[in-house]
Structures are given as structure tokens and as C-alpha cells.
Amino acid sequence: MSPTLDHIVILVPRPQLHALPSWVTDSFTVIDGGQHAGGVTENKLILLQDGIYLELIAFVSKGNGEGDSGRRSHRWGAQPEGRIIDWALSLAMSFEEADEEFKQIQDCVRAADVGFVYQDLVAGGRTTPDGVVLEWATASPAAISRGSKGPESDLSGGLLPFWCLDRTERKLRVPYASAGGSLARHPSAAIGVAEVTIYVADSVLLDRLRRVYDAILHKTAEFEWDLAIPDKPQHRLSPRLRLVLLAKETVSEKDLEYGQRIELSLFTTSESRTVGGQFVDGWYIEVRLEKAQYGGEIA
């Protein structure tokens, strides 16, 4: 069974998480997610009809330095706020089957022999605002030198996805079908993910990443892959993943300086357009809305 696209992570400052800008709330229905185990982060969710969600996440700081050590040790702690920083894949099968399948994925990535591995699964969780305890296990990518037996450094920033395998029912973590589906209906008429595009400045790194994706996903073209989804809404279309060489013509100077960028396109039943704005000065998030076409007709 193919891995499924699970969610996309957007890191925002905590004040903005609690008072979202109008460019977000005018386009999307946002629900409270809760605080993660350990109390270092909290989130809000934008649920989509295909079962994928956008996670707006912030680090919890009490203003007196307390909690800062948790951020420093977190794999996203050094990431700039105000941008898409990561994304996750999952496996739609039983807990036991998913764990076994993930071990095979680890072997496949290591066999690609391009200097990347997936670390072992680590338990995690979150408590929802209504007190439901959610449990999962995650695994992050890491860089490794030839001949080394273990990972040497985390690979953060979404160049490769992390994995999120549920230990409790996924529908509790991602309640997109609850309340008659109203939680996944949006003013923008967004219904699902159309494309995840990863821009990379280093052409050698780009090719190394390509070989990892070839090992774990269904390739459809050079530097392009299909992504399975948890559920198929009316349009019955699946998203694409693309790797693109980052150039000054395609991104901002700040992204060029950072050396990488993740962009997101969503299917909509309304007209194609772009929504976007800033959580932080200097970082601009742009979400393309692509009019869904299915059955030979436009939605």
C-alpha cells in the first residue's frame, strides 16, 4: 500500500496562532487542535475533504524563558516562523502492519545509499480541547555519512517528509468528517491538496532527494510523484509532489538565501486563484487554489 499524504506544517508565532490574520480566516475554517505532549507546542488545524490537513503550529513560551529549552531541543526549533516548514506521510493500515511497513521503508531509503535515513519511531501525542488524548509515533529523516551506522544530524525543513503513524484512531486526530463535514468546508471552497512543491537550491542535493522519493513513492515523471490521500472527495483526484531547482526567478530573495522553500496548491470547487499573506514580516505564504476537474468536467 502506498504511503498517504497526512498533513502540512506551518510554523507561526504564538500570538498570531491565537489571533489569525484575516487572509487565513477569510479563506479557511480553522479549528483548535490543542497542546502537544510535553507542552512545548500547540496547534490549530485546517481540515480538508480528502482527509489531509494543514497544521498551524506554535511554540509555547511563558514569557520568562520557561519553555525556551524545549524549543531549542525540538527539531523545528531553529526553523523560521511564518512559513511552511515540514510535511508528513502516513500508512493507512493497522498499527502492527504500519510498523512493519515502516521498517521496510527504512531499509529502502538506506539502500538508496544517498546519505539519508529515517530514524526509528518515537511516541508522541496531543490532548484536544475537549480532553481526548491522541497518540501516535513519528519518525524524522536524518543525514548520514557513508559507512556510518547511525544518523549524524536531523534533516529538517521538509526536504524529506517525516512519518506520522497513529496509535489511536486517525479520525480522532483528523475529524474532517465530523459534524456532517462542516469542519472541512471553507469560504475558499478548498477541498483537497493538489500539489506539494519543494524548491531546493543545490542541484546535487536535489538529485539525492529524488532517489529517496523514487524509493518510497510512485514516480510519474522526472522529479514528480503521485501522493495517495486518506479519502477521496467528489473530484477523486490525488495530489502531486514535485522537486524543483530553486532559482531567483521563482522565489523571493529571502527564500533564495535560505536555500529551500515549500509551496502548496489546493483543489477548489470555485475559481482558480491565489490566497496568501504573512504571519511574519519577510516571509510570504502563497496558496494556489486550482479549480478541480473530474469526470471530464470542471467542478
C-alpha atoms as a PDB file:
ATOM      1  CA  MET A   1       0.000   0.000   0.000  1.00  0.00           C
ATOM      2  CA  SER A   2       1.312   3.455  -0.948  1.00  0.00           C
ATOM      3  CA  PRO A   3       2.110   5.983   1.768  1.00  0.00           C
ATOM      4  CA  THR A   4      -0.580   8.635   2.196  1.00  0.00           C
ATOM      5  CA  LEU A   5      -0.074  12.369   2.471  1.00  0.00           C
ATOM      6  CA  ASP A   6      -1.034  13.180   6.056  1.00  0.00           C
ATOM      7  CA  HIS A   7      -0.530  16.884   6.782  1.00  0.00           C
ATOM      8  CA  ILE A   8       1.458  20.022   6.027  1.00  0.00           C
ATOM      9  CA  VAL A   9       3.070  22.029   8.847  1.00  0.00           C
ATOM     10  CA  ILE A  10       3.127  25.834   9.020  1.00  0.00           C
ATOM     11  CA  LEU A  11       5.086  27.349  11.916  1.00  0.00           C
ATOM     12  CA  VAL A  12       3.622  30.613  13.232  1.00  0.00           C
ATOM     13  CA  PRO A  13       4.306  32.887  16.214  1.00  0.00           C
ATOM     14  CA  ARG A  14       2.054  32.080  19.153  1.00  0.00           C
ATOM     15  CA  PRO A  15       0.285  35.489  19.181  1.00  0.00           C
ATOM     16  CA  GLN A  16      -0.670  35.002  15.527  1.00  0.00           C
ATOM     17  CA  LEU A  17      -1.914  31.481  16.255  1.00  0.00           C
ATOM     18  CA  HIS A  18      -4.373  32.927  18.769  1.00  0.00           C
ATOM     19  CA  ALA A  19      -5.341  35.860  16.528  1.00  0.00           C
ATOM     20  CA  LEU A  20      -5.069  34.561  12.978  1.00  0.00           C
ATOM     21  CA  PRO A  21      -4.792  37.134  10.178  1.00  0.00           C
ATOM     22  CA  SER A  22      -7.830  37.747   8.001  1.00  0.00           C
ATOM     23  CA  TRP A  23      -6.175  36.273   4.914  1.00  0.00           C
ATOM     24  CA  VAL A  24      -6.394  32.917   6.720  1.00  0.00           C
ATOM     25  CA  THR A  25      -9.831  33.203   8.338  1.00  0.00           C
ATOM     26  CA  ASP A  26     -11.447  34.722   5.225  1.00  0.00           C
ATOM     27  CA  SER A  27     -10.419  31.656   3.206  1.00  0.00           C
ATOM     28  CA  PHE A  28     -10.390  28.741   5.640  1.00  0.00           C
ATOM     29  CA  THR A  29     -12.325  27.209   8.515  1.00  0.00           C
ATOM     30  CA  VAL A  30      -9.862  26.765  11.388  1.00  0.00           C
ATOM     31  CA  ILE A  31     -10.392  24.545  14.438  1.00  0.00           C
ATOM     32  CA  ASP A  32      -8.477  24.314  17.711  1.00  0.00           C
ATOM     33  CA  GLY A  33      -6.136  21.347  17.891  1.00  0.00           C
ATOM     34  CA  GLY A  34      -4.762  21.520  21.415  1.00  0.00           C
ATOM     35  CA  GLN A  35      -1.401  21.230  23.118  1.00  0.00           C
ATOM     36  CA  HIS A  36       1.116  18.522  22.314  1.00  0.00           C
ATOM     37  CA  ALA A  37       2.515  16.116  24.875  1.00  0.00           C
ATOM     38  CA  GLY A  38       5.292  17.837  26.795  1.00  0.00           C
ATOM     39  CA  GLY A  39       3.657  21.244  26.433  1.00  0.00           C
ATOM     40  CA  VAL A  40       6.244  22.637  24.011  1.00  0.00           C
ATOM     41  CA  THR A  41       3.875  23.279  21.092  1.00  0.00           C
ATOM     42  CA  GLU A  42       0.190  23.798  20.371  1.00  0.00           C
ATOM     43  CA  ASN A  43      -1.750  23.911  17.136  1.00  0.00           C
ATOM     44  CA  LYS A  44      -4.815  24.739  15.101  1.00  0.00           C
ATOM     45  CA  LEU A  45      -6.000  22.755  12.089  1.00  0.00           C
ATOM     46  CA  ILE A  46      -7.398  23.414   8.637  1.00  0.00           C
ATOM     47  CA  LEU A  47      -9.147  20.175   7.669  1.00  0.00           C
ATOM     48  CA  LEU A  48      -9.710  19.200   4.032  1.00  0.00           C
ATOM     49  CA  GLN A  49     -12.254  16.841   2.491  1.00  0.00           C
ATOM     50  CA  ASP A  50      -9.531  14.487   1.240  1.00  0.00           C
ATOM     51  CA  GLY A  51      -8.535  13.788   4.862  1.00  0.00           C
ATOM     52  CA  ILE A  52      -5.349  15.857   4.746  1.00  0.00           C
ATOM     53  CA  TYR A  53      -4.940  18.888   6.977  1.00  0.00           C
ATOM     54  CA  LEU A  54      -2.815  21.989   7.348  1.00  0.00           C
ATOM     55  CA  GLU A  55      -1.314  22.301  10.817  1.00  0.00           C
ATOM     56  CA  LEU A  56      -0.731  25.802  12.158  1.00  0.00           C
ATOM     57  CA  ILE A  57       1.720  25.188  14.981  1.00  0.00           C
ATOM     58  CA  ALA A  58       3.369  27.497  17.514  1.00  0.00           C
ATOM     59  CA  PHE A  59       5.886  27.084  20.282  1.00  0.00           C
ATOM     60  CA  VAL A  60       4.528  27.730  23.765  1.00  0.00           C
ATOM     61  CA  SER A  61       6.561  30.283  25.689  1.00  0.00           C
ATOM     62  CA  LYS A  62       5.546  31.688  29.068  1.00  0.00           C
ATOM     63  CA  GLY A  63       7.436  34.927  28.548  1.00  0.00           C
ATOM     64  CA  ASN A  64      10.008  34.313  31.281  1.00  0.00           C
ATOM     65  CA  GLY A  65      12.265  31.986  29.336  1.00  0.00           C
ATOM     66  CA  GLU A  66      10.382  28.937  30.551  1.00  0.00           C
ATOM     67  CA  GLY A  67       9.729  26.596  27.652  1.00  0.00           C
ATOM     68  CA  ASP A  68      12.585  28.025  25.557  1.00  0.00           C
ATOM     69  CA  SER A  69      14.752  24.984  26.271  1.00  0.00           C
ATOM     70  CA  GLY A  70      12.002  22.811  24.820  1.00  0.00           C
ATOM     71  CA  ARG A  71      12.121  24.798  21.619  1.00  0.00           C
ATOM     72  CA  ARG A  72      15.898  24.597  21.420  1.00  0.00           C
ATOM     73  CA  SER A  73      15.768  20.802  21.569  1.00  0.00           C
ATOM     74  CA  HIS A  74      12.833  20.495  19.154  1.00  0.00           C
ATOM     75  CA  ARG A  75      13.558  19.505  15.546  1.00  0.00           C
ATOM     76  CA  TRP A  76      11.615  22.571  14.377  1.00  0.00           C
ATOM     77  CA  GLY A  77      13.090  24.885  16.987  1.00  0.00           C
ATOM     78  CA  ALA A  78      15.538  26.560  14.612  1.00  0.00           C
ATOM     79  CA  GLN A  79      13.048  26.905  11.758  1.00  0.00           C
ATOM     80  CA  PRO A  80      11.911  30.435  10.843  1.00  0.00           C
ATOM     81  CA  GLU A  81       8.352  31.251  11.832  1.00  0.00           C
ATOM     82  CA  GLY A  82       5.885  32.291   9.178  1.00  0.00           C
ATOM     83  CA  ARG A  83       6.482  29.624   6.544  1.00  0.00           C
ATOM     84  CA  ILE A  84       5.687  26.045   5.573  1.00  0.00           C
ATOM     85  CA  ILE A  85       8.378  24.089   7.406  1.00  0.00           C
ATOM     86  CA  ASP A  86       7.524  20.405   7.024  1.00  0.00           C
ATOM     87  CA  TRP A  87       5.030  17.800   5.885  1.00  0.00           C
ATOM     88  CA  ALA A  88       4.134  14.255   6.865  1.00  0.00           C
ATOM     89  CA  LEU A  89       3.339  10.928   5.274  1.00  0.00           C
ATOM     90  CA  SER A  90       1.431   8.111   6.950  1.00  0.00           C
ATOM     91  CA  LEU A  91       0.426   4.498   6.344  1.00  0.00           C
ATOM     92  CA  ALA A  92      -3.260   3.595   6.195  1.00  0.00           C
ATOM     93  CA  MET A  93      -3.171   0.180   7.853  1.00  0.00           C
ATOM     94  CA  SER A  94      -3.282  -1.395  11.294  1.00  0.00           C
ATOM     95  CA  PHE A  95      -0.738  -0.278  13.884  1.00  0.00           C
ATOM     96  CA  GLU A  96       1.201  -3.538  13.645  1.00  0.00           C
ATOM     97  CA  GLU A  97       1.173  -3.586   9.835  1.00  0.00           C
ATOM     98  CA  ALA A  98       2.216   0.061   9.675  1.00  0.00           C
ATOM     99  CA  ASP A  99       5.198  -0.553  11.942  1.00  0.00           C
ATOM    100  CA  GLU A 100       6.366  -3.458   9.788  1.00  0.00           C
ATOM    101  CA  GLU A 101       5.841  -1.478   6.593  1.00  0.00           C
ATOM    102  CA  PHE A 102       7.784   1.433   8.016  1.00  0.00           C
ATOM    103  CA  LYS A 103      10.750  -0.837   8.774  1.00  0.00           C
ATOM    104  CA  GLN A 104      10.767  -1.811   5.097  1.00  0.00           C
ATOM    105  CA  ILE A 105      10.682   1.862   4.131  1.00  0.00           C
ATOM    106  CA  GLN A 106      13.674   2.490   6.392  1.00  0.00           C
ATOM    107  CA  ASP A 107      15.517  -0.322   4.606  1.00  0.00           C
ATOM    108  CA  CYS A 108      14.601   1.032   1.155  1.00  0.00           C
ATOM    109  CA  VAL A 109      15.828   4.523   1.985  1.00  0.00           C
ATOM    110  CA  ARG A 110      19.068   3.215   3.453  1.00  0.00           C
ATOM    111  CA  ALA A 111      19.547   1.003   0.375  1.00  0.00           C
ATOM    112  CA  ALA A 112      19.263   4.067  -1.867  1.00  0.00           C
ATOM    113  CA  ASP A 113      22.670   4.965  -0.393  1.00  0.00           C
ATOM    114  CA  VAL A 114      22.459   8.729  -0.863  1.00  0.00           C
ATOM    115  CA  GLY A 115      23.263   9.835   2.676  1.00  0.00           C
ATOM    116  CA  PHE A 116      19.777   9.907   4.187  1.00  0.00           C
ATOM    117  CA  VAL A 117      17.969   7.557   6.561  1.00  0.00           C
ATOM    118  CA  TYR A 118      14.785   7.523   8.591  1.00  0.00           C
ATOM    119  CA  GLN A 119      15.242   7.325  12.337  1.00  0.00           C
ATOM    120  CA  ASP A 120      13.197   4.930  14.452  1.00  0.00           C
ATOM    121  CA  LEU A 121       9.659   5.775  15.523  1.00  0.00           C
ATOM    122  CA  VAL A 122       9.211   7.936  18.629  1.00  0.00           C
ATOM    123  CA  ALA A 123       5.978   8.133  20.632  1.00  0.00           C
ATOM    124  CA  GLY A 124       4.060  11.407  20.598  1.00  0.00           C
ATOM    125  CA  GLY A 125       0.614  12.758  21.256  1.00  0.00           C
ATOM    126  CA  ARG A 126      -1.728  15.653  21.854  1.00  0.00           C
ATOM    127  CA  THR A 127      -4.755  16.405  24.021  1.00  0.00           C
ATOM    128  CA  THR A 128      -7.678  18.008  22.191  1.00  0.00           C
ATOM    129  CA  PRO A 129      -9.593  20.968  23.702  1.00  0.00           C
ATOM    130  CA  ASP A 130     -12.382  18.576  24.751  1.00  0.00           C
ATOM    131  CA  GLY A 131      -9.943  16.313  26.592  1.00  0.00           C
ATOM    132  CA  VAL A 132      -9.436  13.497  24.084  1.00  0.00           C
ATOM    133  CA  VAL A 133      -5.923  12.056  24.338  1.00  0.00           C
ATOM    134  CA  LEU A 134      -4.403  11.295  20.935  1.00  0.00           C
ATOM    135  CA  GLU A 135      -1.383   9.071  20.462  1.00  0.00           C
ATOM    136  CA  TRP A 136       0.923   8.491  17.518  1.00  0.00           C
ATOM    137  CA  ALA A 137       4.513   7.714  16.610  1.00  0.00           C
ATOM    138  CA  THR A 138       6.705   9.849  14.370  1.00  0.00           C
ATOM    139  CA  ALA A 139       9.984   9.304  12.573  1.00  0.00           C
ATOM    140  CA  SER A 140      12.214  12.009  11.140  1.00  0.00           C
ATOM    141  CA  PRO A 141      14.735  11.932   8.295  1.00  0.00           C
ATOM    142  CA  ALA A 142      18.403  12.356   9.086  1.00  0.00           C
ATOM    143  CA  ALA A 143      21.682  12.784   7.249  1.00  0.00           C
ATOM    144  CA  ILE A 144      24.274  10.038   7.448  1.00  0.00           C
ATOM    145  CA  SER A 145      27.829   9.647   6.133  1.00  0.00           C
ATOM    146  CA  ARG A 146      28.884   6.684   4.041  1.00  0.00           C
ATOM    147  CA  GLY A 147      29.974   3.840   6.265  1.00  0.00           C
ATOM    148  CA  SER A 148      28.293   5.289   9.330  1.00  0.00           C
ATOM    149  CA  LYS A 149      25.860   3.063  11.208  1.00  0.00           C
ATOM    150  CA  GLY A 150      23.711   5.801  12.695  1.00  0.00           C
ATOM    151  CA  PRO A 151      22.230   9.208  11.847  1.00  0.00           C
ATOM    152  CA  GLU A 152      24.501  12.198  12.372  1.00  0.00           C
ATOM    153  CA  SER A 153      22.100  15.129  12.084  1.00  0.00           C
ATOM    154  CA  ASP A 154      18.388  15.747  11.688  1.00  0.00           C
ATOM    155  CA  LEU A 155      17.185  16.782   8.262  1.00  0.00           C
ATOM    156  CA  SER A 156      14.530  19.377   8.990  1.00  0.00           C
ATOM    157  CA  GLY A 157      12.750  21.862   6.782  1.00  0.00           C
ATOM    158  CA  GLY A 158      10.638  19.426   4.775  1.00  0.00           C
ATOM    159  CA  LEU A 159      13.202  18.380   2.177  1.00  0.00           C
ATOM    160  CA  LEU A 160      12.064  14.875   3.047  1.00  0.00           C
ATOM    161  CA  PRO A 161       8.789  14.260   4.901  1.00  0.00           C
ATOM    162  CA  PHE A 162       8.560  12.903   8.393  1.00  0.00           C
ATOM    163  CA  TRP A 163       6.229  10.000   9.193  1.00  0.00           C
ATOM    164  CA  CYS A 164       3.202  10.095  11.488  1.00  0.00           C
ATOM    165  CA  LEU A 165       1.664   6.720  12.389  1.00  0.00           C
ATOM    166  CA  ASP A 166      -1.463   6.758  14.537  1.00  0.00           C
ATOM    167  CA  ARG A 167      -1.762   4.740  17.744  1.00  0.00           C
ATOM    168  CA  THR A 168      -5.307   5.973  18.349  1.00  0.00           C
ATOM    169  CA  GLU A 169      -7.942   6.269  15.632  1.00  0.00           C
ATOM    170  CA  ARG A 170      -6.969   8.760  12.954  1.00  0.00           C
ATOM    171  CA  LYS A 171     -10.493  10.187  12.806  1.00  0.00           C
ATOM    172  CA  LEU A 172      -9.961  11.494  16.344  1.00  0.00           C
ATOM    173  CA  ARG A 173      -6.824  13.343  15.274  1.00  0.00           C
ATOM    174  CA  VAL A 174      -8.276  14.483  11.933  1.00  0.00           C
ATOM    175  CA  PRO A 175     -12.065  14.948  12.392  1.00  0.00           C
ATOM    176  CA  TYR A 176     -12.687  16.135   8.831  1.00  0.00           C
ATOM    177  CA  ALA A 177     -15.879  14.059   8.523  1.00  0.00           C
ATOM    178  CA  SER A 178     -17.333  15.162  11.886  1.00  0.00           C
ATOM    179  CA  ALA A 179     -20.335  17.482  12.190  1.00  0.00           C
ATOM    180  CA  GLY A 180     -21.579  16.437   8.770  1.00  0.00           C
ATOM    181  CA  GLY A 181     -18.308  17.501   7.175  1.00  0.00           C
ATOM    182  CA  SER A 182     -18.805  21.152   8.152  1.00  0.00           C
ATOM    183  CA  LEU A 183     -15.323  21.359   9.689  1.00  0.00           C
ATOM    184  CA  ALA A 184     -13.840  20.743   6.232  1.00  0.00           C
ATOM    185  CA  ARG A 185     -15.950  23.310   4.363  1.00  0.00           C
ATOM    186  CA  HIS A 186     -14.168  26.564   3.619  1.00  0.00           C
ATOM    187  CA  PRO A 187     -15.039  30.045   2.310  1.00  0.00           C
ATOM    188  CA  SER A 188     -12.448  29.467  -0.415  1.00  0.00           C
ATOM    189  CA  ALA A 189     -14.206  26.196  -1.410  1.00  0.00           C
ATOM    190  CA  ALA A 190     -10.880  24.369  -0.938  1.00  0.00           C
ATOM    191  CA  ILE A 191     -11.449  20.610  -0.914  1.00  0.00           C
ATOM    192  CA  GLY A 192      -8.049  18.929  -1.006  1.00  0.00           C
ATOM    193  CA  VAL A 193      -4.350  19.110  -1.763  1.00  0.00           C
ATOM    194  CA  ALA A 194      -3.406  19.434  -5.427  1.00  0.00           C
ATOM    195  CA  GLU A 195       0.367  19.744  -5.214  1.00  0.00           C
ATOM    196  CA  VAL A 196       3.296  19.983  -2.837  1.00  0.00           C
ATOM    197  CA  THR A 197       6.309  21.617  -4.488  1.00  0.00           C
ATOM    198  CA  ILE A 198       9.735  21.530  -2.869  1.00  0.00           C
ATOM    199  CA  TYR A 199      12.286  24.030  -4.143  1.00  0.00           C
ATOM    200  CA  VAL A 200      15.955  23.224  -3.498  1.00  0.00           C
ATOM    201  CA  ALA A 201      18.919  25.452  -4.379  1.00  0.00           C
ATOM    202  CA  ASP A 202      21.551  22.687  -4.572  1.00  0.00           C
ATOM    203  CA  SER A 203      21.302  20.541  -7.732  1.00  0.00           C
ATOM    204  CA  VAL A 204      23.342  17.698  -6.203  1.00  0.00           C
ATOM    205  CA  LEU A 205      21.065  17.632  -3.156  1.00  0.00           C
ATOM    206  CA  LEU A 206      18.055  17.731  -5.471  1.00  0.00           C
ATOM    207  CA  ASP A 207      19.186  14.532  -7.180  1.00  0.00           C
ATOM    208  CA  ARG A 208      19.884  12.797  -3.860  1.00  0.00           C
ATOM    209  CA  LEU A 209      16.373  13.656  -2.688  1.00  0.00           C
ATOM    210  CA  ARG A 210      14.951  12.376  -5.972  1.00  0.00           C
ATOM    211  CA  ARG A 211      16.460   8.955  -5.347  1.00  0.00           C
ATOM    212  CA  VAL A 212      14.860   8.768  -1.898  1.00  0.00           C
ATOM    213  CA  TYR A 213      11.442   9.699  -3.281  1.00  0.00           C
ATOM    214  CA  ASP A 214      11.846   7.141  -6.065  1.00  0.00           C
ATOM    215  CA  ALA A 215      12.354   4.512  -3.351  1.00  0.00           C
ATOM    216  CA  ILE A 216       9.175   5.293  -1.389  1.00  0.00           C
ATOM    217  CA  LEU A 217       6.654   6.822  -3.839  1.00  0.00           C
ATOM    218  CA  HIS A 218       5.083   6.094  -7.230  1.00  0.00           C
ATOM    219  CA  LYS A 219       7.038   8.036  -9.840  1.00  0.00           C
ATOM    220  CA  THR A 220       5.022   9.664 -12.650  1.00  0.00           C
ATOM    221  CA  ALA A 221       7.689  11.830 -14.289  1.00  0.00           C
ATOM    222  CA  GLU A 222      11.227  13.015 -13.688  1.00  0.00           C
ATOM    223  CA  PHE A 223      11.197  14.764 -10.294  1.00  0.00           C
ATOM    224  CA  GLU A 224       7.433  14.167  -9.926  1.00  0.00           C
ATOM    225  CA  TRP A 225       5.413  11.618  -7.941  1.00  0.00           C
ATOM    226  CA  ASP A 226       1.804  10.771  -7.112  1.00  0.00           C
ATOM    227  CA  LEU A 227       0.732  11.058  -3.477  1.00  0.00           C
ATOM    228  CA  ALA A 228      -2.024   8.856  -2.071  1.00  0.00           C
ATOM    229  CA  ILE A 229      -4.603  10.517   0.189  1.00  0.00           C
ATOM    230  CA  PRO A 230      -6.651   9.298   3.183  1.00  0.00           C
ATOM    231  CA  ASP A 231     -10.001   9.881   1.462  1.00  0.00           C
ATOM    232  CA  LYS A 232     -11.220  10.898  -1.982  1.00  0.00           C
ATOM    233  CA  PRO A 233     -13.861  13.620  -2.184  1.00  0.00           C
ATOM    234  CA  GLN A 234     -16.057  14.186  -5.204  1.00  0.00           C
ATOM    235  CA  HIS A 235     -13.263  15.235  -7.539  1.00  0.00           C
ATOM    236  CA  ARG A 236     -11.445  11.916  -6.915  1.00  0.00           C
ATOM    237  CA  LEU A 237      -8.096  13.479  -7.737  1.00  0.00           C
ATOM    238  CA  SER A 238      -4.815  12.820  -5.970  1.00  0.00           C
ATOM    239  CA  PRO A 239      -2.077  15.369  -5.330  1.00  0.00           C
ATOM    240  CA  ARG A 240       1.343  15.567  -6.912  1.00  0.00           C
ATOM    241  CA  LEU A 241       4.764  16.022  -5.359  1.00  0.00           C
ATOM    242  CA  ARG A 242       7.349  17.933  -7.375  1.00  0.00           C
ATOM    243  CA  LEU A 243      11.027  18.678  -6.775  1.00  0.00           C
ATOM    244  CA  VAL A 244      12.217  21.876  -8.443  1.00  0.00           C
ATOM    245  CA  LEU A 245      15.599  23.577  -8.606  1.00  0.00           C
ATOM    246  CA  LEU A 246      15.257  26.868  -6.770  1.00  0.00           C
ATOM    247  CA  ALA A 247      16.083  29.952  -8.845  1.00  0.00           C
ATOM    248  CA  LYS A 248      15.839  33.687  -8.211  1.00  0.00           C
ATOM    249  CA  GLU A 249      13.067  33.929 -10.818  1.00  0.00           C
ATOM    250  CA  THR A 250      10.783  31.592  -8.850  1.00  0.00           C
ATOM    251  CA  VAL A 251      11.162  32.653  -5.203  1.00  0.00           C
ATOM    252  CA  SER A 252      11.917  35.627  -3.000  1.00  0.00           C
ATOM    253  CA  GLU A 253      15.435  36.734  -2.094  1.00  0.00           C
ATOM    254  CA  LYS A 254      14.874  35.519   1.454  1.00  0.00           C
ATOM    255  CA  ASP A 255      13.932  32.028   0.222  1.00  0.00           C
ATOM    256  CA  LEU A 256      16.941  32.048  -2.088  1.00  0.00           C
ATOM    257  CA  GLU A 257      19.181  32.918   0.838  1.00  0.00           C
ATOM    258  CA  TYR A 258      17.595  30.148   2.936  1.00  0.00           C
ATOM    259  CA  GLY A 259      18.128  27.661   0.095  1.00  0.00           C
ATOM    260  CA  GLN A 260      14.764  25.921   0.108  1.00  0.00           C
ATOM    261  CA  ARG A 261      11.035  26.549   0.015  1.00  0.00           C
ATOM    262  CA  ILE A 262       7.818  24.504   0.159  1.00  0.00           C
ATOM    263  CA  GLU A 263       4.789  25.661  -1.820  1.00  0.00           C
ATOM    264  CA  LEU A 264       1.249  24.326  -1.664  1.00  0.00           C
ATOM    265  CA  SER A 265      -1.626  24.099  -4.142  1.00  0.00           C
ATOM    266  CA  LEU A 266      -5.173  23.110  -3.157  1.00  0.00           C
ATOM    267  CA  PHE A 267      -8.107  21.929  -5.241  1.00  0.00           C
ATOM    268  CA  THR A 268     -11.175  24.161  -5.083  1.00  0.00           C
ATOM    269  CA  THR A 269     -14.695  23.916  -6.478  1.00  0.00           C
ATOM    270  CA  SER A 270     -14.581  27.670  -7.047  1.00  0.00           C
ATOM    271  CA  GLU A 271     -12.452  29.690  -9.460  1.00  0.00           C
ATOM    272  CA  SER A 272      -8.688  29.267  -9.631  1.00  0.00           C
ATOM    273  CA  ARG A 273      -6.844  31.984  -7.757  1.00  0.00           C
ATOM    274  CA  THR A 274      -4.206  32.564  -5.115  1.00  0.00           C
ATOM    275  CA  VAL A 275      -4.610  33.395  -1.432  1.00  0.00           C
ATOM    276  CA  GLY A 276      -1.774  34.330   0.841  1.00  0.00           C
ATOM    277  CA  GLY A 277      -0.178  36.729   3.233  1.00  0.00           C
ATOM    278  CA  GLN A 278       2.294  36.991   6.073  1.00  0.00           C
ATOM    279  CA  PHE A 279       2.489  35.758   9.637  1.00  0.00           C
ATOM    280  CA  VAL A 280       5.950  37.302   9.963  1.00  0.00           C
ATOM    281  CA  ASP A 281       7.472  40.204   8.036  1.00  0.00           C
ATOM    282  CA  GLY A 282       9.690  38.951   5.237  1.00  0.00           C
ATOM    283  CA  TRP A 283       8.138  35.510   4.830  1.00  0.00           C
ATOM    284  CA  TYR A 284       5.197  35.306   2.444  1.00  0.00           C
ATOM    285  CA  ILE A 285       2.955  32.231   2.239  1.00  0.00           C
ATOM    286  CA  GLU A 286       1.100  31.761  -1.019  1.00  0.00           C
ATOM    287  CA  VAL A 287      -1.507  29.020  -1.508  1.00  0.00           C
ATOM    288  CA  ARG A 288      -2.638  28.410  -5.068  1.00  0.00           C
ATOM    289  CA  LEU A 289      -6.261  27.333  -5.495  1.00  0.00           C
ATOM    290  CA  GLU A 290      -6.654  25.115  -8.544  1.00  0.00           C
ATOM    291  CA  LYS A 291     -10.152  24.507  -9.912  1.00  0.00           C
ATOM    292  CA  ALA A 292     -10.800  20.757  -9.682  1.00  0.00           C
ATOM    293  CA  GLN A 293     -11.636  18.895 -12.860  1.00  0.00           C
ATOM    294  CA  TYR A 294     -13.083  15.405 -12.814  1.00  0.00           C
ATOM    295  CA  GLY A 295     -15.196  13.161 -14.991  1.00  0.00           C
ATOM    296  CA  GLY A 296     -14.236  15.259 -17.987  1.00  0.00           C
ATOM    297  CA  GLU A 297     -15.867  18.315 -16.425  1.00  0.00           C
ATOM    298  CA  ILE A 298     -14.750  21.185 -14.249  1.00  0.00           C
ATOM    299  CA  ALA A 299     -16.062  21.064 -10.691  1.00  0.00           C
END
